[in-house]
Amino acid sequence: MRKSNNTALTFSYTDRYITRMSEENRERIMHVALNLLSSRGYEGTGVQEVVNACGITKPTLYHYFGSKRGLLMAILERYGNARRQNLDHALRYRGDITRTLAETAVGLFRFANRHTAFYRLLLGLWLAPVASDGFRAGASYHEELQGRLEKLFVEAAADHGNMKGRHREYAATYLGMLHTYIGLAQNGYVKLDGEVAFRAVHQFMHGIFS
């Protein structure tokens, strides 16, 4: 017996509704878990604490993410991709290294201001023991930004001969300085704004050209 068009439409609507509800549940779990993990640390937070905070059961967590590490990877992918897209334009070298670094600082600071919980979690993962699960999970997101900054300094070396061969240490130093400012802001010592971005770039460029 053939399905009526109405029955087919009903199933289609139901499928879309279930999919939307599933996506909303997944997003809510990620949001609650992010706040918990950023405040307590990934390694210091147990699965039971996560599910209690989210108001779900362990099977529900495993259904959506497979494990606590799977949940962490989903969070990192979501916000890590957003950070990369946010900095796409700023990291394009256009013949003025000072301007490019300033735009990068402003873009990164704006992102960190909007996503404070994510950045606290990310910095915590970077400072975790190298052999830890958390460090391994977050390492690629640090390496990705480090690599893009290295590429920027390689391109700038065509205009600034003293930069040749130093792209790796320049990238690490600049990124480390920006992350230090973000860490200070997380703890209330500075405010991430244009003035701080200017100060960071001036401080860095003075070190290069002095």
N, C-alpha and C. Protein backbone atom coordinates (compact mmCIF):
# COMPACT_ATOMS: atom_id res chain seq x y z
N MET A 1 0.85 -1.19 0.00
CA MET A 1 0.00 0.00 0.00
C MET A 1 0.89 1.24 0.00
N ARG A 2 0.59 2.17 -0.87
CA ARG A 2 1.37 3.39 -1.00
C ARG A 2 1.09 4.34 0.15
N LYS A 3 2.17 5.05 0.59
CA LYS A 3 1.98 6.09 1.58
C LYS A 3 1.28 7.28 0.94
N SER A 4 0.41 7.88 1.68
CA SER A 4 -0.18 9.13 1.19
C SER A 4 0.84 10.23 1.28
N ASN A 5 0.65 11.28 0.50
CA ASN A 5 1.55 12.43 0.57
C ASN A 5 1.56 13.03 1.97
N ASN A 6 0.39 13.04 2.62
CA ASN A 6 0.31 13.61 3.97
C ASN A 6 1.17 12.83 4.95
N THR A 7 1.15 11.50 4.81
CA THR A 7 1.97 10.67 5.69
C THR A 7 3.45 10.94 5.46
N ALA A 8 3.84 11.06 4.20
CA ALA A 8 5.24 11.35 3.87
C ALA A 8 5.66 12.69 4.44
N LEU A 9 4.79 13.69 4.33
CA LEU A 9 5.09 15.01 4.86
C LEU A 9 5.21 14.99 6.38
N THR A 10 4.35 14.18 7.02
CA THR A 10 4.39 14.06 8.47
C THR A 10 5.71 13.47 8.93
N PHE A 11 6.16 12.39 8.24
CA PHE A 11 7.44 11.79 8.58
C PHE A 11 8.59 12.77 8.35
N SER A 12 8.53 13.51 7.26
CA SER A 12 9.58 14.48 6.95
C SER A 12 9.66 15.56 8.02
N TYR A 13 8.50 16.06 8.43
CA TYR A 13 8.47 17.09 9.48
C TYR A 13 9.00 16.53 10.79
N THR A 14 8.59 15.30 11.12
CA THR A 14 9.02 14.68 12.36
C THR A 14 10.54 14.48 12.36
N ASP A 15 11.09 14.02 11.24
CA ASP A 15 12.53 13.82 11.14
C ASP A 15 13.28 15.13 11.35
N ARG A 16 12.78 16.19 10.72
CA ARG A 16 13.44 17.49 10.86
C ARG A 16 13.35 17.98 12.30
N TYR A 17 12.22 17.77 12.93
CA TYR A 17 12.03 18.21 14.32
C TYR A 17 12.99 17.47 15.25
N ILE A 18 13.08 16.14 15.05
CA ILE A 18 13.98 15.33 15.88
C ILE A 18 15.42 15.76 15.67
N THR A 19 15.80 16.02 14.42
CA THR A 19 17.16 16.45 14.11
C THR A 19 17.47 17.79 14.78
N ARG A 20 16.50 18.71 14.69
CA ARG A 20 16.71 20.03 15.30
C ARG A 20 16.84 19.92 16.81
N MET A 21 16.00 19.11 17.42
CA MET A 21 16.06 18.93 18.87
C MET A 21 17.38 18.29 19.28
N SER A 22 17.85 17.35 18.47
CA SER A 22 19.12 16.69 18.75
C SER A 22 20.27 17.69 18.69
N GLU A 23 20.24 18.56 17.68
CA GLU A 23 21.29 19.57 17.53
C GLU A 23 21.24 20.57 18.69
N GLU A 24 20.03 20.94 19.10
CA GLU A 24 19.89 21.88 20.21
C GLU A 24 20.40 21.26 21.52
N ASN A 25 20.10 19.99 21.73
CA ASN A 25 20.59 19.30 22.92
C ASN A 25 22.11 19.25 22.93
N ARG A 26 22.67 18.94 21.77
CA ARG A 26 24.12 18.85 21.64
C ARG A 26 24.77 20.20 21.94
N GLU A 27 24.19 21.26 21.40
CA GLU A 27 24.72 22.61 21.63
C GLU A 27 24.63 22.98 23.11
N ARG A 28 23.53 22.66 23.75
CA ARG A 28 23.35 23.00 25.15
C ARG A 28 24.37 22.27 26.01
N ILE A 29 24.59 20.99 25.72
CA ILE A 29 25.58 20.22 26.48
C ILE A 29 26.96 20.82 26.31
N MET A 30 27.31 21.17 25.09
CA MET A 30 28.63 21.77 24.83
C MET A 30 28.79 23.08 25.59
N HIS A 31 27.75 23.90 25.60
CA HIS A 31 27.82 25.20 26.27
C HIS A 31 28.02 25.04 27.77
N VAL A 32 27.21 24.18 28.39
CA VAL A 32 27.32 23.97 29.84
C VAL A 32 28.67 23.33 30.18
N ALA A 33 29.08 22.34 29.39
CA ALA A 33 30.34 21.65 29.65
C ALA A 33 31.53 22.59 29.49
N LEU A 34 31.48 23.47 28.50
CA LEU A 34 32.57 24.41 28.29
C LEU A 34 32.79 25.27 29.53
N ASN A 35 31.71 25.80 30.09
CA ASN A 35 31.84 26.63 31.28
C ASN A 35 32.41 25.85 32.46
N LEU A 36 31.99 24.60 32.59
CA LEU A 36 32.50 23.76 33.67
C LEU A 36 33.98 23.43 33.46
N LEU A 37 34.34 22.99 32.27
CA LEU A 37 35.72 22.58 31.99
C LEU A 37 36.68 23.76 32.08
N SER A 38 36.22 24.94 31.69
CA SER A 38 37.11 26.10 31.73
C SER A 38 37.35 26.57 33.16
N SER A 39 36.39 26.34 34.04
CA SER A 39 36.54 26.79 35.42
C SER A 39 37.26 25.76 36.29
N ARG A 40 37.13 24.48 35.97
CA ARG A 40 37.73 23.43 36.81
C ARG A 40 38.91 22.74 36.14
N GLY A 41 39.07 22.95 34.85
CA GLY A 41 40.14 22.28 34.13
C GLY A 41 39.66 20.95 33.57
N TYR A 42 40.17 20.58 32.39
CA TYR A 42 39.73 19.35 31.76
C TYR A 42 40.11 18.12 32.57
N GLU A 43 41.37 18.05 32.97
CA GLU A 43 41.84 16.87 33.69
C GLU A 43 41.19 16.76 35.07
N GLY A 44 40.82 17.89 35.65
CA GLY A 44 40.26 17.88 36.99
C GLY A 44 38.75 17.72 37.06
N THR A 45 38.13 17.50 35.91
CA THR A 45 36.67 17.36 35.86
C THR A 45 36.29 15.96 35.42
N GLY A 46 35.50 15.28 36.23
CA GLY A 46 35.07 13.92 35.89
C GLY A 46 33.81 13.90 35.05
N VAL A 47 33.57 12.77 34.41
CA VAL A 47 32.39 12.62 33.55
C VAL A 47 31.11 12.85 34.36
N GLN A 48 31.08 12.33 35.58
CA GLN A 48 29.87 12.49 36.39
C GLN A 48 29.59 13.96 36.68
N GLU A 49 30.63 14.75 36.90
CA GLU A 49 30.45 16.18 37.12
C GLU A 49 29.87 16.85 35.87
N VAL A 50 30.34 16.42 34.73
CA VAL A 50 29.85 17.00 33.46
C VAL A 50 28.37 16.69 33.28
N VAL A 51 27.99 15.43 33.45
CA VAL A 51 26.59 15.07 33.20
C VAL A 51 25.68 15.69 34.26
N ASN A 52 26.16 15.82 35.49
CA ASN A 52 25.36 16.48 36.52
C ASN A 52 25.11 17.94 36.17
N ALA A 53 26.16 18.62 35.72
CA ALA A 53 26.02 20.03 35.36
C ALA A 53 25.08 20.21 34.17
N CYS A 54 25.12 19.26 33.25
CA CYS A 54 24.28 19.35 32.04
C CYS A 54 22.87 18.83 32.27
N GLY A 55 22.64 18.14 33.39
CA GLY A 55 21.33 17.57 33.65
C GLY A 55 20.99 16.41 32.74
N ILE A 56 22.00 15.60 32.41
CA ILE A 56 21.80 14.46 31.52
C ILE A 56 22.39 13.21 32.18
N THR A 57 22.27 12.08 31.51
CA THR A 57 22.87 10.84 31.98
C THR A 57 24.14 10.56 31.19
N LYS A 58 24.95 9.66 31.71
CA LYS A 58 26.16 9.28 30.99
C LYS A 58 25.86 8.71 29.60
N PRO A 59 24.85 7.83 29.47
CA PRO A 59 24.54 7.32 28.13
C PRO A 59 24.20 8.44 27.13
N THR A 60 23.57 9.51 27.61
CA THR A 60 23.25 10.63 26.71
C THR A 60 24.53 11.31 26.25
N LEU A 61 25.45 11.53 27.18
CA LEU A 61 26.74 12.13 26.81
C LEU A 61 27.45 11.25 25.79
N TYR A 62 27.48 9.95 26.05
CA TYR A 62 28.17 9.03 25.14
C TYR A 62 27.47 8.96 23.78
N HIS A 63 26.15 9.12 23.78
CA HIS A 63 25.40 9.11 22.52
C HIS A 63 25.83 10.26 21.62
N TYR A 64 25.98 11.43 22.21
CA TYR A 64 26.31 12.61 21.40
C TYR A 64 27.80 12.74 21.10
N PHE A 65 28.66 12.34 22.05
CA PHE A 65 30.08 12.65 21.91
C PHE A 65 31.02 11.44 22.05
N GLY A 66 30.50 10.32 22.48
CA GLY A 66 31.33 9.12 22.59
C GLY A 66 32.10 9.00 23.89
N SER A 67 32.60 10.13 24.41
CA SER A 67 33.41 10.13 25.62
C SER A 67 33.62 11.57 26.07
N LYS A 68 34.26 11.75 27.23
CA LYS A 68 34.59 13.11 27.67
C LYS A 68 35.56 13.75 26.70
N ARG A 69 36.50 12.98 26.18
CA ARG A 69 37.45 13.53 25.21
C ARG A 69 36.74 13.91 23.91
N GLY A 70 35.76 13.11 23.53
CA GLY A 70 34.98 13.45 22.34
C GLY A 70 34.24 14.76 22.52
N LEU A 71 33.73 14.99 23.72
CA LEU A 71 33.08 16.26 24.04
C LEU A 71 34.08 17.41 23.94
N LEU A 72 35.27 17.22 24.49
CA LEU A 72 36.31 18.25 24.41
C LEU A 72 36.67 18.54 22.96
N MET A 73 36.82 17.52 22.15
CA MET A 73 37.19 17.71 20.75
C MET A 73 36.10 18.47 19.99
N ALA A 74 34.84 18.19 20.32
CA ALA A 74 33.73 18.91 19.67
C ALA A 74 33.77 20.39 20.03
N ILE A 75 34.07 20.70 21.30
CA ILE A 75 34.17 22.09 21.74
C ILE A 75 35.34 22.77 21.04
N LEU A 76 36.49 22.11 21.00
CA LEU A 76 37.67 22.70 20.37
C LEU A 76 37.45 22.93 18.88
N GLU A 77 36.80 21.99 18.23
CA GLU A 77 36.53 22.14 16.80
C GLU A 77 35.62 23.33 16.54
N ARG A 78 34.57 23.45 17.33
CA ARG A 78 33.62 24.53 17.14
C ARG A 78 34.29 25.89 17.29
N TYR A 79 34.93 26.10 18.41
CA TYR A 79 35.50 27.42 18.70
C TYR A 79 36.85 27.62 18.01
N GLY A 80 37.59 26.55 17.81
CA GLY A 80 38.85 26.67 17.09
C GLY A 80 38.62 27.09 15.64
N ASN A 81 37.62 26.52 15.01
CA ASN A 81 37.29 26.91 13.64
C ASN A 81 36.81 28.36 13.59
N ALA A 82 36.04 28.77 14.60
CA ALA A 82 35.56 30.14 14.64
C ALA A 82 36.73 31.11 14.79
N ARG A 83 37.72 30.75 15.61
CA ARG A 83 38.89 31.62 15.76
C ARG A 83 39.66 31.72 14.46
N ARG A 84 39.85 30.61 13.78
CA ARG A 84 40.57 30.62 12.50
C ARG A 84 39.88 31.52 11.49
N GLN A 85 38.57 31.39 11.37
CA GLN A 85 37.82 32.22 10.43
C GLN A 85 37.88 33.69 10.82
N ASN A 86 37.85 33.96 12.13
CA ASN A 86 37.89 35.32 12.63
C ASN A 86 39.20 36.02 12.27
N LEU A 87 40.28 35.25 12.17
CA LEU A 87 41.59 35.83 11.90
C LEU A 87 42.04 35.71 10.45
N ASP A 88 41.19 35.14 9.60
CA ASP A 88 41.57 34.91 8.20
C ASP A 88 42.06 36.18 7.52
N HIS A 89 41.30 37.26 7.62
CA HIS A 89 41.67 38.50 6.94
C HIS A 89 42.88 39.15 7.60
N ALA A 90 42.90 39.18 8.92
CA ALA A 90 43.96 39.87 9.64
C ALA A 90 45.33 39.27 9.35
N LEU A 91 45.42 37.97 9.14
CA LEU A 91 46.71 37.30 8.98
C LEU A 91 47.23 37.31 7.54
N ARG A 92 46.57 38.02 6.66
CA ARG A 92 47.06 38.12 5.28
C ARG A 92 48.06 39.26 5.18
N TYR A 93 49.29 38.93 4.84
CA TYR A 93 50.33 39.96 4.73
C TYR A 93 50.10 40.80 3.48
N ARG A 94 50.06 42.12 3.70
CA ARG A 94 49.80 43.04 2.58
C ARG A 94 50.87 44.13 2.51
N GLY A 95 52.09 43.75 2.86
CA GLY A 95 53.21 44.67 2.71
C GLY A 95 53.52 45.52 3.92
N ASP A 96 52.74 45.41 4.98
CA ASP A 96 52.96 46.22 6.18
C ASP A 96 52.86 45.30 7.40
N ILE A 97 54.01 44.85 7.88
CA ILE A 97 54.02 43.86 8.96
C ILE A 97 53.44 44.43 10.25
N THR A 98 53.71 45.71 10.54
CA THR A 98 53.20 46.31 11.77
C THR A 98 51.68 46.34 11.75
N ARG A 99 51.12 46.75 10.63
CA ARG A 99 49.65 46.80 10.50
C ARG A 99 49.06 45.40 10.60
N THR A 100 49.69 44.43 9.96
CA THR A 100 49.17 43.06 9.99
C THR A 100 49.18 42.50 11.40
N LEU A 101 50.26 42.74 12.13
CA LEU A 101 50.34 42.24 13.51
C LEU A 101 49.32 42.95 14.40
N ALA A 102 49.10 44.25 14.14
CA ALA A 102 48.11 44.99 14.93
C ALA A 102 46.71 44.45 14.68
N GLU A 103 46.38 44.19 13.41
CA GLU A 103 45.06 43.64 13.08
C GLU A 103 44.89 42.25 13.69
N THR A 104 45.98 41.48 13.71
CA THR A 104 45.92 40.15 14.32
C THR A 104 45.66 40.25 15.82
N ALA A 105 46.36 41.17 16.47
CA ALA A 105 46.17 41.35 17.92
C ALA A 105 44.74 41.78 18.23
N VAL A 106 44.23 42.75 17.49
CA VAL A 106 42.87 43.24 17.72
C VAL A 106 41.86 42.12 17.49
N GLY A 107 42.04 41.37 16.39
CA GLY A 107 41.12 40.28 16.08
C GLY A 107 41.14 39.19 17.14
N LEU A 108 42.34 38.83 17.61
CA LEU A 108 42.44 37.79 18.62
C LEU A 108 41.88 38.26 19.96
N PHE A 109 42.15 39.51 20.30
CA PHE A 109 41.62 40.05 21.56
C PHE A 109 40.09 40.12 21.53
N ARG A 110 39.53 40.53 20.41
CA ARG A 110 38.07 40.58 20.29
C ARG A 110 37.47 39.19 20.45
N PHE A 111 38.10 38.21 19.82
CA PHE A 111 37.61 36.83 19.92
C PHE A 111 37.69 36.35 21.36
N ALA A 112 38.82 36.62 22.02
CA ALA A 112 39.00 36.20 23.41
C ALA A 112 38.01 36.88 24.34
N ASN A 113 37.66 38.13 24.04
CA ASN A 113 36.66 38.84 24.85
C ASN A 113 35.28 38.22 24.69
N ARG A 114 34.97 37.75 23.49
CA ARG A 114 33.64 37.17 23.23
C ARG A 114 33.55 35.74 23.75
N HIS A 115 34.67 35.05 23.80
CA HIS A 115 34.66 33.62 24.15
C HIS A 115 35.65 33.38 25.29
N THR A 116 35.39 34.01 26.43
CA THR A 116 36.33 33.93 27.55
C THR A 116 36.47 32.51 28.10
N ALA A 117 35.36 31.79 28.19
CA ALA A 117 35.42 30.42 28.72
C ALA A 117 36.27 29.53 27.82
N PHE A 118 36.07 29.65 26.52
CA PHE A 118 36.86 28.84 25.59
C PHE A 118 38.34 29.16 25.72
N TYR A 119 38.68 30.44 25.80
CA TYR A 119 40.09 30.79 25.84
C TYR A 119 40.74 30.38 27.16
N ARG A 120 40.00 30.44 28.24
CA ARG A 120 40.56 29.95 29.50
C ARG A 120 40.83 28.44 29.40
N LEU A 121 39.90 27.71 28.81
CA LEU A 121 40.09 26.28 28.62
C LEU A 121 41.29 26.01 27.72
N LEU A 122 41.39 26.75 26.60
CA LEU A 122 42.48 26.53 25.64
C LEU A 122 43.84 26.80 26.25
N LEU A 123 43.97 27.89 26.99
CA LEU A 123 45.25 28.20 27.63
C LEU A 123 45.58 27.17 28.69
N GLY A 124 44.56 26.68 29.40
CA GLY A 124 44.80 25.65 30.39
C GLY A 124 45.31 24.36 29.76
N LEU A 125 44.78 24.00 28.60
CA LEU A 125 45.23 22.80 27.90
C LEU A 125 46.68 22.96 27.44
N TRP A 126 47.03 24.16 27.00
CA TRP A 126 48.39 24.40 26.51
C TRP A 126 49.42 24.29 27.63
N LEU A 127 49.01 24.64 28.84
CA LEU A 127 49.93 24.61 29.99
C LEU A 127 49.89 23.28 30.73
N ALA A 128 49.04 22.36 30.27
CA ALA A 128 48.94 21.05 30.92
C ALA A 128 50.19 20.22 30.61
N PRO A 129 50.45 19.16 31.37
CA PRO A 129 51.59 18.28 31.08
C PRO A 129 51.51 17.75 29.64
N VAL A 130 52.67 17.67 29.00
CA VAL A 130 52.72 17.29 27.58
C VAL A 130 52.10 15.92 27.34
N ALA A 131 52.26 15.02 28.29
CA ALA A 131 51.74 13.65 28.11
C ALA A 131 50.25 13.54 28.42
N SER A 132 49.64 14.61 28.89
CA SER A 132 48.23 14.54 29.30
C SER A 132 47.30 14.50 28.09
N ASP A 133 46.13 13.94 28.30
CA ASP A 133 45.12 13.85 27.25
C ASP A 133 44.67 15.24 26.81
N GLY A 134 44.55 16.15 27.77
CA GLY A 134 44.12 17.50 27.45
C GLY A 134 45.10 18.23 26.56
N PHE A 135 46.39 18.14 26.89
CA PHE A 135 47.40 18.81 26.05
C PHE A 135 47.37 18.27 24.63
N ARG A 136 47.30 16.96 24.50
CA ARG A 136 47.29 16.35 23.16
C ARG A 136 46.07 16.78 22.37
N ALA A 137 44.94 16.93 23.05
CA ALA A 137 43.71 17.33 22.36
C ALA A 137 43.80 18.76 21.85
N GLY A 138 44.41 19.64 22.64
CA GLY A 138 44.44 21.06 22.27
C GLY A 138 45.64 21.48 21.46
N ALA A 139 46.67 20.62 21.36
CA ALA A 139 47.93 21.02 20.75
C ALA A 139 47.76 21.50 19.31
N SER A 140 46.94 20.81 18.53
CA SER A 140 46.82 21.16 17.11
C SER A 140 46.26 22.57 16.91
N TYR A 141 45.45 23.05 17.86
CA TYR A 141 44.87 24.39 17.73
C TYR A 141 45.91 25.47 18.04
N HIS A 142 46.87 25.17 18.88
CA HIS A 142 47.98 26.09 19.10
C HIS A 142 48.94 26.04 17.91
N GLU A 143 49.20 24.84 17.43
CA GLU A 143 50.11 24.68 16.30
C GLU A 143 49.55 25.33 15.04
N GLU A 144 48.25 25.30 14.88
CA GLU A 144 47.63 25.90 13.70
C GLU A 144 47.87 27.40 13.66
N LEU A 145 47.66 28.09 14.78
CA LEU A 145 47.87 29.53 14.82
C LEU A 145 49.36 29.87 14.76
N GLN A 146 50.18 29.08 15.44
CA GLN A 146 51.63 29.25 15.35
C GLN A 146 52.09 29.14 13.90
N GLY A 147 51.57 28.15 13.18
CA GLY A 147 51.95 27.95 11.79
C GLY A 147 51.53 29.11 10.89
N ARG A 148 50.38 29.66 11.14
CA ARG A 148 49.92 30.79 10.31
C ARG A 148 50.76 32.04 10.57
N LEU A 149 51.18 32.21 11.83
CA LEU A 149 52.06 33.34 12.13
C LEU A 149 53.45 33.12 11.52
N GLU A 150 53.93 31.90 11.53
CA GLU A 150 55.21 31.61 10.89
C GLU A 150 55.15 31.96 9.41
N LYS A 151 54.07 31.57 8.75
CA LYS A 151 53.90 31.89 7.33
C LYS A 151 53.90 33.40 7.11
N LEU A 152 53.27 34.13 8.01
CA LEU A 152 53.23 35.59 7.92
C LEU A 152 54.64 36.17 7.98
N PHE A 153 55.46 35.69 8.91
CA PHE A 153 56.82 36.22 9.04
C PHE A 153 57.72 35.80 7.89
N VAL A 154 57.48 34.64 7.32
CA VAL A 154 58.22 34.23 6.13
C VAL A 154 57.92 35.19 4.98
N GLU A 155 56.66 35.54 4.80
CA GLU A 155 56.28 36.47 3.74
C GLU A 155 56.86 37.86 4.00
N ALA A 156 56.85 38.29 5.26
CA ALA A 156 57.37 39.62 5.60
C ALA A 156 58.88 39.71 5.44
N ALA A 157 59.56 38.56 5.52
CA ALA A 157 61.02 38.56 5.40
C ALA A 157 61.49 39.07 4.05
N ALA A 158 60.63 38.99 3.04
CA ALA A 158 60.99 39.52 1.72
C ALA A 158 61.20 41.03 1.77
N ASP A 159 60.53 41.69 2.72
CA ASP A 159 60.66 43.14 2.87
C ASP A 159 61.58 43.52 4.03
N HIS A 160 61.83 42.58 4.92
CA HIS A 160 62.65 42.85 6.10
C HIS A 160 63.68 41.73 6.22
N GLY A 161 64.86 41.96 5.69
CA GLY A 161 65.88 40.91 5.62
C GLY A 161 66.27 40.33 6.95
N ASN A 162 66.20 41.15 8.02
CA ASN A 162 66.62 40.63 9.33
C ASN A 162 65.66 39.59 9.90
N MET A 163 64.50 39.40 9.25
CA MET A 163 63.54 38.40 9.70
C MET A 163 63.82 37.01 9.12
N LYS A 164 64.66 36.95 8.11
CA LYS A 164 64.87 35.68 7.43
C LYS A 164 65.42 34.62 8.38
N GLY A 165 64.79 33.46 8.34
CA GLY A 165 65.23 32.35 9.16
C GLY A 165 64.79 32.42 10.61
N ARG A 166 64.06 33.48 10.97
CA ARG A 166 63.65 33.64 12.36
C ARG A 166 62.13 33.52 12.54
N HIS A 167 61.47 33.03 11.52
CA HIS A 167 60.00 33.03 11.54
C HIS A 167 59.43 32.23 12.70
N ARG A 168 60.12 31.14 13.06
CA ARG A 168 59.56 30.28 14.12
C ARG A 168 59.61 30.97 15.48
N GLU A 169 60.77 31.54 15.83
CA GLU A 169 60.86 32.20 17.13
C GLU A 169 60.04 33.48 17.18
N TYR A 170 59.95 34.21 16.05
CA TYR A 170 59.11 35.41 16.02
C TYR A 170 57.65 35.05 16.26
N ALA A 171 57.20 33.98 15.58
CA ALA A 171 55.80 33.56 15.73
C ALA A 171 55.51 33.12 17.16
N ALA A 172 56.42 32.32 17.73
CA ALA A 172 56.22 31.83 19.09
C ALA A 172 56.24 32.97 20.10
N THR A 173 57.16 33.93 19.90
CA THR A 173 57.26 35.06 20.82
C THR A 173 56.02 35.95 20.75
N TYR A 174 55.58 36.23 19.52
CA TYR A 174 54.42 37.10 19.37
C TYR A 174 53.15 36.45 19.91
N LEU A 175 52.94 35.18 19.56
CA LEU A 175 51.76 34.48 20.04
C LEU A 175 51.80 34.34 21.56
N GLY A 176 52.98 34.05 22.10
CA GLY A 176 53.10 33.94 23.54
C GLY A 176 52.77 35.24 24.25
N MET A 177 53.19 36.37 23.65
CA MET A 177 52.89 37.66 24.25
C MET A 177 51.39 37.95 24.21
N LEU A 178 50.75 37.67 23.08
CA LEU A 178 49.30 37.89 22.98
C LEU A 178 48.55 37.02 23.98
N HIS A 179 48.97 35.78 24.11
CA HIS A 179 48.30 34.88 25.04
C HIS A 179 48.56 35.29 26.50
N THR A 180 49.71 35.89 26.75
CA THR A 180 49.96 36.41 28.10
C THR A 180 48.99 37.54 28.42
N TYR A 181 48.78 38.45 27.47
CA TYR A 181 47.81 39.52 27.68
C TYR A 181 46.40 38.96 27.88
N ILE A 182 46.06 37.94 27.10
CA ILE A 182 44.73 37.33 27.26
C ILE A 182 44.60 36.70 28.64
N GLY A 183 45.67 36.02 29.08
CA GLY A 183 45.65 35.43 30.42
C GLY A 183 45.52 36.48 31.51
N LEU A 184 46.22 37.60 31.35
CA LEU A 184 46.10 38.69 32.32
C LEU A 184 44.69 39.24 32.35
N ALA A 185 44.09 39.36 31.17
CA ALA A 185 42.71 39.88 31.09
C ALA A 185 41.73 38.90 31.73
N GLN A 186 41.98 37.60 31.55
CA GLN A 186 41.10 36.59 32.15
C GLN A 186 41.06 36.74 33.67
N ASN A 187 42.18 37.19 34.25
CA ASN A 187 42.26 37.32 35.70
C ASN A 187 42.07 38.75 36.18
N GLY A 188 41.62 39.62 35.27
CA GLY A 188 41.23 40.97 35.66
C GLY A 188 42.35 41.98 35.77
N TYR A 189 43.54 41.68 35.25
CA TYR A 189 44.67 42.60 35.40
C TYR A 189 44.73 43.66 34.29
N VAL A 190 44.24 43.33 33.12
CA VAL A 190 44.22 44.29 32.01
C VAL A 190 42.89 44.16 31.29
N LYS A 191 42.60 45.14 30.44
CA LYS A 191 41.42 45.09 29.58
C LYS A 191 41.89 44.96 28.14
N LEU A 192 41.39 43.96 27.45
CA LEU A 192 41.79 43.74 26.07
C LEU A 192 41.09 44.75 25.16
N ASP A 193 41.82 45.76 24.72
CA ASP A 193 41.26 46.78 23.84
C ASP A 193 42.32 47.23 22.85
N GLY A 194 42.00 48.25 22.07
CA GLY A 194 42.91 48.73 21.05
C GLY A 194 44.21 49.25 21.63
N GLU A 195 44.15 49.86 22.79
CA GLU A 195 45.36 50.40 23.42
C GLU A 195 46.33 49.29 23.80
N VAL A 196 45.80 48.21 24.37
CA VAL A 196 46.65 47.08 24.74
C VAL A 196 47.22 46.42 23.49
N ALA A 197 46.42 46.31 22.44
CA ALA A 197 46.89 45.73 21.18
C ALA A 197 48.04 46.57 20.62
N PHE A 198 47.88 47.90 20.63
CA PHE A 198 48.94 48.79 20.13
C PHE A 198 50.20 48.62 20.95
N ARG A 199 50.06 48.54 22.27
CA ARG A 199 51.21 48.40 23.15
C ARG A 199 51.94 47.08 22.88
N ALA A 200 51.18 46.02 22.65
CA ALA A 200 51.78 44.72 22.39
C ALA A 200 52.57 44.74 21.09
N VAL A 201 52.00 45.32 20.05
CA VAL A 201 52.68 45.37 18.74
C VAL A 201 53.93 46.24 18.83
N HIS A 202 53.80 47.41 19.47
CA HIS A 202 54.95 48.31 19.60
C HIS A 202 56.08 47.63 20.36
N GLN A 203 55.73 46.93 21.42
CA GLN A 203 56.71 46.22 22.23
C GLN A 203 57.41 45.16 21.40
N PHE A 204 56.65 44.41 20.61
CA PHE A 204 57.22 43.35 19.79
C PHE A 204 58.10 43.90 18.67
N MET A 205 57.60 44.90 17.94
CA MET A 205 58.35 45.45 16.83
C MET A 205 59.62 46.15 17.29
N HIS A 206 59.59 46.75 18.47
CA HIS A 206 60.78 47.39 19.01
C HIS A 206 61.86 46.33 19.22
N GLY A 207 61.46 45.16 19.67
CA GLY A 207 62.42 44.08 19.87
C GLY A 207 63.04 43.59 18.57
N ILE A 208 62.27 43.62 17.49
CA ILE A 208 62.78 43.16 16.19
C ILE A 208 63.77 44.14 15.59
N PHE A 209 63.41 45.43 15.61
CA PHE A 209 64.18 46.42 14.88
C PHE A 209 65.21 47.17 15.72
N SER A 210 65.23 46.90 17.05
CA SER A 210 66.20 47.63 17.88
C SER A 210 67.59 47.01 17.73
